[in-house]
Structure formats: C-alpha cells, structure tokens
Amino acid sequence: MANKPTYEELEQKVKELEQESIERKKTEEEIQNSKVLNGLKKIEEGKYEKIHIQSDSDMEGLSQVINRISRKMRESEQKLNILFEITRFVSSLLHLQHVLDAIVDLLTREFRLDACSIRLLDNDGNLRIKSQKGLSKKFVETATRKPTVDSYSGECFLTGKIVIVNEAKEIDKPISTTLLVGENIESFAVTPIKVEGNTIGVLVTASKNKSYFYERFNDVIYTIANQIGIAIRISQLYDEIYNFSQELEKKVQERTNKLEEKSKQLIEAERLAALGKIANTVADEFRNSLTIIGGFARRLYEKTPDDDPQKKDLGIIVEEVQVLEGKVTKIIKIEKKD
C-alpha cells in the first residue's frame, strides 16, 4: 500500500499548482496582448482588423497606436497641403523669384521655423541664397561660396543627403561661411534640392529649439525638397520662354520699324517719281515753247542794227532763254536717268 503524502509535500504541490496557474494566466495575457498589438499594427498600416479589448493594457496600447496614427495623419495632411501650395505657386506665379519667396514663406509658416533659405548653384559655381526669411543682411551677403565638404551646405549638395543637427554644440563646421545659421539657432536641417537626379541647390530650415527636427522630418522635407526642385525647373523654363518671347517681340518690333521706314521711303520714292514725271512733262512743254521764243528772239537780235537801243534788251532775252533751255534739259536728263 502506497505511503500517504506528508503535509509538507501537499503544501509544496499546492505551491507548484499555484505557480503554474500564474504562469498560464500570464502566458494567456501575453498572447492576448500580442493579438491586440498585432491587430493595432495592421490598422496603423492601413489594413482592417477586428480587435477585442479585454484589459486595461489593451486600452493603453490602443491609445498609443491611435496617437501615432493621428500624428501620422496630421503630418501627411501637412505634407499634402504644402505640396499642393507649391504646385499652386508654380501655376499662379509667373517668375522664379516670386515662386521661391512664396515657398520660403510657406515653409516658415507651416513648420514654425525661425529661419529658412533656398540656395541654388549659380553659373559661376557658387551656392547663393536666392530667397530667405529670418537671416540677417550681413549673413546673406557673406553666405555665397563654392560647395565643399567642409561646410554643411556643401556636404549636403555634394552627397545629395539630408544633414540634420539638433544640438548647436554638435556643430563642427560652418553652414556656409559662418558657424551659426542665425542668432540663437539651436537646430537645423539641410536638404538637397534635386531635378531629374541632379542636385541644383539646398534647402536650409532652422529653429531656435533643440531637437526640433525629428526623424520623421526626413521623409517629409525630402519629398518637399523634390517638389521644390520640380517647381524651380518649371519656373526656370517659364523664365526662359518669357525671355525668349520678350527677345522675339523686340526683334519683331525692330523688324516692324524697319519695314515701316522702308515703306515710308518707298512712298517717298514713288512720290518723287510721280513728281519727276510731272516735271519732265512740264519741262518738255517748256522746252518747246522756249525753243520757239529763243528762235524768234535770236532772229530779232540778228536783224536789229547795232545802234538800235533795243538790241541790248533783245540780247538779254536771248541769254535768259538759253539759261532756261539749259535748266529744262537738265530736268529731262535726270528723269531719263532715274
């Protein structure tokens, strides 16, 4: 016959059963929590999932996920709004400078920045500030330089990667030509502006608050910077077309003026030609009359005695008729030559 368990053995067995029960309950809670969290993650990813809430920890997890989803929705809405506004700027504003100024103003307002600037590569190979807010005149005047890796703007331009510094103490080289973006700036982000894969400039955003540019900011500002690149390219094309049209209009005006001048000259030439024909006709008629008058005057002059006082007058008439005949002959020769 088997021995009966002692009291100590029974007590130990009860403790083991209680421990097994605690561990089983904990395991069931972990499984339940895992199901809830997995379901919440699927919802966060945009997938439908039915979730059963059975404990306070489930509610806490749900609250955290809802907060993350809400934050992402706000960020997505802000990004879409900024992209829409940039597109609107390009379609409503005609010149590149107006578009850049509007974009800088928009980003400063939306992200509550203390400083913002767009720097583009000029034909001389220098990165130059084209539009800005929050920077001093002195800084803007000294910020132009060729892109090199010994500055944050140059590093960003050459590598095509975003540079974020969230602590002013971490600055080990200048943004461009000075160590600070502006007075009391504590954090900043430098983002490449690209067009068709080529970096054409950088976008610099800065704040007086530490750790202002969170990790998620990378994706947001990178997308916005790419849209800025497209906007700049479209505006540049418009400026090229506008300048071409202005030049073409100028040439057309010059050609029109020349044609008008030629037309005036042609009209004048036609007028002179008509006058020439009239003069020729008149001169021809005059020559016939002068020939008759001259002929009679010479005959009278020859028949008049030398001692006749009228012979002198007849000589004057003959001479003047010869002068008139010479002038009429010149007019006729000119008309024939033309």
Protein backbone atom coordinates (compact mmCIF):
# COMPACT_ATOMS: atom_id res chain seq x y z
CA MET A 1 0.00 0.00 0.00
CA ALA A 2 1.39 3.37 -1.06
CA ASN A 3 2.50 5.80 1.58
CA LYS A 4 0.29 8.85 2.12
CA PRO A 5 1.94 12.22 1.21
CA THR A 6 3.09 14.27 4.11
CA TYR A 7 1.73 17.73 4.88
CA GLU A 8 4.91 19.36 3.57
CA GLU A 9 4.60 17.50 0.29
CA LEU A 10 0.98 18.56 -0.11
CA GLU A 11 1.90 22.16 0.62
CA GLN A 12 4.71 22.05 -1.97
CA LYS A 13 2.33 20.56 -4.54
CA VAL A 14 -0.21 23.35 -3.94
CA LYS A 15 2.51 25.98 -4.43
CA GLU A 16 3.58 24.35 -7.70
CA LEU A 17 -0.02 24.33 -8.95
CA GLU A 18 -0.47 27.98 -7.98
CA GLN A 19 2.75 28.91 -9.82
CA GLU A 20 1.61 27.01 -12.91
CA SER A 21 -1.71 28.85 -12.78
CA ILE A 22 0.04 32.24 -12.52
CA GLU A 23 2.36 31.44 -15.41
CA ARG A 24 -0.53 30.14 -17.54
CA LYS A 25 -2.54 33.31 -16.89
CA LYS A 26 0.48 35.46 -17.72
CA THR A 27 1.05 33.49 -20.90
CA GLU A 28 -2.62 33.94 -21.87
CA GLU A 29 -2.35 37.70 -21.26
CA GLU A 30 0.81 37.92 -23.34
CA ILE A 31 -0.89 36.02 -26.14
CA GLN A 32 -3.93 38.29 -25.90
CA ASN A 33 -1.75 41.41 -25.82
CA SER A 34 0.21 40.12 -28.78
CA LYS A 35 -3.03 39.65 -30.73
CA VAL A 36 -4.22 43.14 -29.82
CA LEU A 37 -0.91 44.77 -30.70
CA ASN A 38 -0.66 42.88 -33.96
CA GLY A 39 -4.16 43.97 -34.81
CA LEU A 40 -3.33 47.60 -33.95
CA LYS A 41 -0.20 47.48 -36.08
CA LYS A 42 -2.26 46.25 -39.02
CA ILE A 43 -4.69 49.12 -38.52
CA GLU A 44 -1.76 51.52 -38.37
CA GLU A 45 -0.54 50.10 -41.68
CA GLY A 46 -3.94 50.82 -43.20
CA LYS A 47 -5.31 47.27 -43.01
CA TYR A 48 -8.70 46.44 -41.48
CA GLU A 49 -8.53 44.31 -38.37
CA LYS A 50 -11.16 43.46 -35.75
CA ILE A 51 -9.81 43.84 -32.20
CA HIS A 52 -11.21 42.52 -28.91
CA ILE A 53 -10.37 44.71 -25.91
CA GLN A 54 -10.22 42.66 -22.70
CA SER A 55 -7.94 44.57 -20.34
CA ASP A 56 -6.59 48.00 -19.35
CA SER A 57 -3.27 47.21 -21.03
CA ASP A 58 -5.18 46.67 -24.27
CA MET A 59 -6.71 50.13 -23.90
CA GLU A 60 -3.31 51.67 -23.22
CA GLY A 61 -1.80 50.04 -26.31
CA LEU A 62 -4.78 51.12 -28.38
CA SER A 63 -4.37 54.71 -27.17
CA GLN A 64 -0.69 54.76 -28.11
CA VAL A 65 -1.39 53.44 -31.60
CA ILE A 66 -4.26 55.90 -32.10
CA ASN A 67 -1.92 58.74 -31.13
CA ARG A 68 0.69 57.54 -33.62
CA ILE A 69 -1.92 57.20 -36.37
CA SER A 70 -3.29 60.65 -35.56
CA ARG A 71 0.20 62.16 -35.67
CA LYS A 72 0.96 60.49 -39.00
CA MET A 73 -2.33 61.72 -40.42
CA ARG A 74 -1.53 65.29 -39.35
CA GLU A 75 1.93 65.05 -40.86
CA SER A 76 0.57 63.57 -44.10
CA GLU A 77 -2.09 66.27 -44.28
CA GLN A 78 0.53 68.96 -43.73
CA LYS A 79 2.81 67.46 -46.38
CA LEU A 80 -0.02 67.22 -48.92
CA ASN A 81 -1.06 70.80 -48.16
CA ILE A 82 2.49 72.06 -48.70
CA LEU A 83 2.87 70.09 -51.95
CA PHE A 84 -0.47 71.43 -53.17
CA GLU A 85 0.50 75.02 -52.31
CA ILE A 86 3.87 74.68 -54.11
CA THR A 87 2.06 73.38 -57.20
CA ARG A 88 -0.36 76.29 -56.96
CA PHE A 89 2.52 78.76 -56.71
CA VAL A 90 4.01 77.43 -59.94
CA SER A 91 0.71 77.72 -61.80
CA SER A 92 -0.27 81.16 -60.44
CA LEU A 93 3.07 82.97 -60.06
CA LEU A 94 4.98 83.65 -63.23
CA HIS A 95 8.60 84.29 -62.29
CA LEU A 96 11.06 82.08 -60.40
CA GLN A 97 11.85 84.65 -57.70
CA HIS A 98 8.17 85.02 -56.82
CA VAL A 99 7.82 81.23 -56.55
CA LEU A 100 10.89 80.90 -54.30
CA ASP A 101 9.74 83.69 -51.99
CA ALA A 102 6.28 82.11 -51.68
CA ILE A 103 7.77 78.66 -50.89
CA VAL A 104 10.10 80.03 -48.20
CA ASP A 105 7.21 81.94 -46.62
CA LEU A 106 5.02 78.80 -46.70
CA LEU A 107 7.63 76.52 -45.09
CA THR A 108 8.45 79.08 -42.41
CA ARG A 109 4.78 79.33 -41.52
CA GLU A 110 3.86 75.63 -41.70
CA PHE A 111 6.87 74.31 -39.77
CA ARG A 112 7.12 77.36 -37.48
CA LEU A 113 10.73 77.90 -38.44
CA ASP A 114 12.93 80.70 -37.18
CA ALA A 115 14.98 80.75 -40.39
CA CYS A 116 14.59 79.28 -43.86
CA SER A 117 16.53 79.74 -47.09
CA ILE A 118 16.82 78.30 -50.60
CA ARG A 119 20.32 78.26 -52.07
CA LEU A 120 20.88 77.47 -55.74
CA LEU A 121 24.03 76.80 -57.73
CA ASP A 122 24.81 79.77 -60.00
CA ASN A 123 26.60 79.68 -63.33
CA ASP A 124 29.80 80.75 -61.56
CA GLY A 125 29.75 77.55 -59.47
CA ASN A 126 28.74 79.22 -56.19
CA LEU A 127 25.86 78.31 -53.90
CA ARG A 128 23.95 81.56 -53.48
CA ILE A 129 20.92 82.38 -51.32
CA LYS A 130 18.04 83.13 -53.69
CA SER A 131 15.29 83.53 -51.10
CA GLN A 132 15.25 83.61 -47.29
CA LYS A 133 13.43 84.51 -44.11
CA GLY A 134 14.96 85.05 -40.66
CA LEU A 135 18.54 85.71 -41.85
CA SER A 136 20.41 88.95 -41.36
CA LYS A 137 21.51 91.03 -44.33
CA LYS A 138 25.14 90.57 -43.30
CA PHE A 139 24.80 86.79 -43.25
CA VAL A 140 23.15 86.73 -46.68
CA GLU A 141 25.92 88.88 -48.14
CA THR A 142 28.66 86.56 -46.82
CA ALA A 143 26.95 83.19 -47.35
CA THR A 144 27.93 82.75 -51.02
CA ARG A 145 30.61 80.13 -51.59
CA LYS A 146 31.50 77.13 -53.72
CA PRO A 147 30.10 73.83 -52.35
CA THR A 148 32.75 71.86 -50.43
CA VAL A 149 32.55 69.15 -47.77
CA ASP A 150 33.95 71.49 -45.12
CA SER A 151 30.52 73.14 -44.79
CA TYR A 152 27.11 71.57 -44.10
CA SER A 153 25.51 73.12 -47.18
CA GLY A 154 28.40 71.93 -49.34
CA GLU A 155 28.31 68.43 -47.81
CA CYS A 156 24.57 68.17 -48.45
CA PHE A 157 24.95 69.44 -52.03
CA LEU A 158 27.83 67.12 -52.92
CA THR A 159 26.49 63.96 -51.23
CA GLY A 160 22.81 64.53 -52.02
CA LYS A 161 21.91 63.51 -48.44
CA ILE A 162 19.97 65.33 -45.74
CA VAL A 163 22.09 66.76 -42.91
CA ILE A 164 20.31 67.31 -39.56
CA VAL A 165 21.91 68.86 -36.48
CA ASN A 166 19.64 69.01 -33.42
CA GLU A 167 22.15 70.43 -30.98
CA ALA A 168 24.12 73.62 -31.66
CA LYS A 169 27.00 72.25 -29.58
CA GLU A 170 27.44 69.47 -32.16
CA ILE A 171 28.33 71.98 -34.91
CA ASP A 172 31.89 71.26 -36.04
CA LYS A 173 31.92 73.23 -39.31
CA PRO A 174 30.06 76.19 -40.83
CA ILE A 175 26.66 76.02 -42.51
CA SER A 176 28.18 78.00 -45.35
CA THR A 177 30.64 80.67 -44.22
CA THR A 178 29.70 81.17 -40.55
CA LEU A 179 29.13 78.75 -37.68
CA LEU A 180 25.56 79.81 -36.95
CA VAL A 181 22.57 79.93 -39.27
CA GLY A 182 21.25 82.91 -37.32
CA GLU A 183 21.11 84.30 -33.84
CA ASN A 184 20.23 81.73 -31.14
CA ILE A 185 19.69 78.90 -33.66
CA GLU A 186 19.87 75.55 -31.86
CA SER A 187 18.98 73.04 -34.61
CA PHE A 188 18.82 72.95 -38.39
CA ALA A 189 18.33 70.66 -41.40
CA VAL A 190 19.98 70.97 -44.82
CA THR A 191 18.13 69.14 -47.60
CA PRO A 192 19.27 68.68 -51.22
CA ILE A 193 17.07 70.14 -53.97
CA LYS A 194 17.17 67.85 -56.99
CA VAL A 195 15.89 67.99 -60.56
CA GLU A 196 15.98 64.86 -62.72
CA GLY A 197 18.52 63.28 -60.37
CA ASN A 198 20.86 66.27 -60.35
CA THR A 199 21.34 68.42 -57.24
CA ILE A 200 20.78 72.09 -58.09
CA GLY A 201 20.75 73.58 -54.59
CA VAL A 202 19.88 73.09 -50.93
CA LEU A 203 17.01 73.97 -48.61
CA VAL A 204 18.09 75.11 -45.14
CA THR A 205 15.50 75.05 -42.32
CA ALA A 206 16.39 76.18 -38.80
CA SER A 207 14.86 76.56 -35.34
CA LYS A 208 15.79 78.16 -32.02
CA ASN A 209 14.59 74.98 -30.27
CA LYS A 210 16.82 71.98 -29.61
CA SER A 211 16.00 68.62 -31.22
CA TYR A 212 13.40 70.33 -33.39
CA PHE A 213 13.87 68.13 -36.44
CA TYR A 214 12.59 64.66 -35.54
CA GLU A 215 13.50 61.55 -37.52
CA ARG A 216 10.21 61.53 -39.43
CA PHE A 217 11.01 65.03 -40.68
CA ASN A 218 13.48 63.46 -43.12
CA ASP A 219 10.82 61.93 -45.33
CA VAL A 220 8.58 65.00 -45.18
CA ILE A 221 11.23 67.58 -46.04
CA TYR A 222 12.88 65.33 -48.64
CA THR A 223 9.59 64.99 -50.53
CA ILE A 224 9.00 68.74 -50.25
CA ALA A 225 12.54 69.50 -51.47
CA ASN A 226 11.98 67.31 -54.54
CA GLN A 227 8.76 69.19 -55.25
CA ILE A 228 10.65 72.46 -54.85
CA GLY A 229 13.15 71.20 -57.43
CA ILE A 230 10.34 70.49 -59.89
CA ALA A 231 8.80 73.90 -59.18
CA ILE A 232 12.15 75.62 -59.76
CA ARG A 233 12.67 73.79 -63.04
CA ILE A 234 9.19 74.69 -64.28
CA SER A 235 9.70 78.33 -63.28
CA GLN A 236 13.12 78.38 -64.96
CA LEU A 237 11.55 77.03 -68.15
CA TYR A 238 8.87 79.70 -67.92
CA ASP A 239 11.52 82.40 -67.44
CA GLU A 240 13.42 81.06 -70.45
CA ILE A 241 10.24 81.09 -72.53
CA TYR A 242 9.33 84.55 -71.22
CA ASN A 243 12.79 85.93 -72.00
CA PHE A 244 12.70 84.30 -75.43
CA SER A 245 9.27 85.79 -76.13
CA GLN A 246 10.47 89.20 -74.97
CA GLU A 247 13.52 88.96 -77.22
CA LEU A 248 11.37 87.74 -80.09
CA GLU A 249 8.90 90.58 -79.52
CA LYS A 250 11.81 93.04 -79.51
CA LYS A 251 13.14 91.67 -82.80
CA VAL A 252 9.66 91.72 -84.32
CA GLN A 253 9.28 95.35 -83.24
CA GLU A 254 12.68 96.23 -84.70
CA ARG A 255 11.79 94.48 -87.97
CA THR A 256 8.40 96.24 -87.99
CA ASN A 257 10.09 99.60 -87.52
CA LYS A 258 12.46 98.83 -90.36
CA LEU A 259 9.57 97.81 -92.61
CA GLU A 260 7.72 100.97 -91.71
CA GLU A 261 10.81 103.02 -92.55
CA LYS A 262 11.24 101.16 -95.84
CA SER A 263 7.56 101.71 -96.58
CA LYS A 264 7.94 105.44 -95.94
CA GLN A 265 11.00 105.52 -98.18
CA LEU A 266 9.11 103.63 -100.89
CA ILE A 267 6.17 106.03 -100.67
CA GLU A 268 8.58 108.96 -100.85
CA ALA A 269 10.34 107.41 -103.83
CA GLU A 270 7.02 106.86 -105.58
CA ARG A 271 6.04 110.46 -104.81
CA LEU A 272 9.32 111.73 -106.19
CA ALA A 273 8.94 109.52 -109.25
CA ALA A 274 5.48 110.96 -109.89
CA LEU A 275 6.81 114.47 -109.41
CA GLY A 276 9.66 113.64 -111.77
CA LYS A 277 7.25 112.51 -114.46
CA ILE A 278 5.17 115.65 -114.00
CA ALA A 279 8.32 117.80 -114.09
CA ASN A 280 9.50 116.00 -117.21
CA THR A 281 6.19 116.61 -118.94
CA VAL A 282 6.18 120.26 -117.92
CA ALA A 283 9.86 120.64 -118.86
CA ASP A 284 9.23 119.09 -122.27
CA GLU A 285 6.40 121.51 -122.89
CA PHE A 286 8.51 124.42 -121.66
CA ARG A 287 11.37 123.39 -123.93
CA ASN A 288 9.14 123.52 -126.98
CA SER A 289 7.92 126.99 -126.05
CA LEU A 290 11.41 128.17 -125.15
CA THR A 291 12.74 126.88 -128.47
CA ILE A 292 10.19 128.96 -130.34
CA ILE A 293 10.73 132.02 -128.16
CA GLY A 294 14.51 131.65 -128.39
CA GLY A 295 14.39 131.25 -132.13
CA PHE A 296 12.34 134.41 -132.66
CA ALA A 297 14.49 136.33 -130.15
CA ARG A 298 17.72 135.39 -131.94
CA ARG A 299 16.28 136.38 -135.33
CA LEU A 300 15.17 139.74 -133.98
CA TYR A 301 18.53 140.21 -132.33
CA GLU A 302 20.41 139.42 -135.56
CA LYS A 303 18.20 141.73 -137.71
CA THR A 304 18.34 144.63 -135.29
CA PRO A 305 21.04 147.21 -136.08
CA ASP A 306 23.81 147.58 -133.55
CA ASP A 307 22.93 151.19 -132.92
CA ASP A 308 19.35 150.32 -132.03
CA PRO A 309 18.81 150.82 -128.29
CA GLN A 310 16.51 147.73 -128.12
CA LYS A 311 19.23 145.33 -129.31
CA LYS A 312 20.71 145.23 -125.81
CA ASP A 313 17.35 144.12 -124.39
CA LEU A 314 16.99 141.52 -127.12
CA GLY A 315 20.44 140.18 -126.15
CA ILE A 316 19.34 139.77 -122.54
CA ILE A 317 16.21 137.89 -123.69
CA VAL A 318 18.33 135.53 -125.84
CA GLU A 319 20.73 134.84 -122.95
CA GLU A 320 17.96 134.16 -120.42
CA VAL A 321 16.19 131.85 -122.87
CA GLN A 322 19.44 129.87 -123.23
CA VAL A 323 19.70 129.62 -119.43
CA LEU A 324 16.12 128.32 -119.17
CA GLU A 325 16.73 125.85 -122.01
CA GLY A 326 19.78 124.51 -120.12
CA LYS A 327 17.79 124.02 -116.91
CA VAL A 328 14.93 122.29 -118.72
CA THR A 329 17.44 120.00 -120.45
CA LYS A 330 18.93 119.01 -117.04
CA ILE A 331 15.46 118.16 -115.66
CA ILE A 332 14.73 115.93 -118.65
CA LYS A 333 18.14 114.18 -118.35
CA ILE A 334 17.55 113.47 -114.62
CA GLU A 335 14.16 111.93 -115.32
CA LYS A 336 15.57 109.73 -118.08
CA LYS A 337 18.44 108.63 -115.83
CA ASP A 338 16.02 107.62 -112.99
